[in-house]
Amino acid sequence: QVQLVESGGGLVQAGESLRLSCAASGRTFSNYAMGWFRQAPGKEREFVAAISLRGGRTYYTDSVKGRFTISRDNAKNSVYLQMNSLKPEDTAVYYCAGRTGYSGSYYTDLKEYEYWGQGTQVTVSS
């Protein structure tokens, strides 16, 4: 079992930045591929970014490419999402997710993830 706890959400203006953190506990963090998803009111949860077990490979949904950066620190059992140039359409609850995987693998389908955090709210005002 892996427990995931997100932090770092908040209310910002368009163009500003936020850094989300996700702290993991319970198992060997470096055995888990990690991802960030988000869910806006009235919409389905959607993929944002993913990172492989050791951080060598990353992948982003098109709408955040060039603005968001996913990273991880296995020594700190943490994964991060640096969000720059935020837009009102980025407003959502952001979730951290994890699953066991192979070296170099990452996952973009929420159905592939085993563990989820409780989410952190990000609100971007115009």
Foldseek 3Di string as FASTA:
>chain_A
DKAKAKDWADEEAAQAKIKMKIAIDDDQLLQKKKFKWWDDPPGDIFGAKTAFSQRPDMDGDPVQPPFWDWGADSVRRMIMIIGGRDDQVVWTWMKMFIDGDDGPDIDGDPVRTDDIYPTDTHGYHD
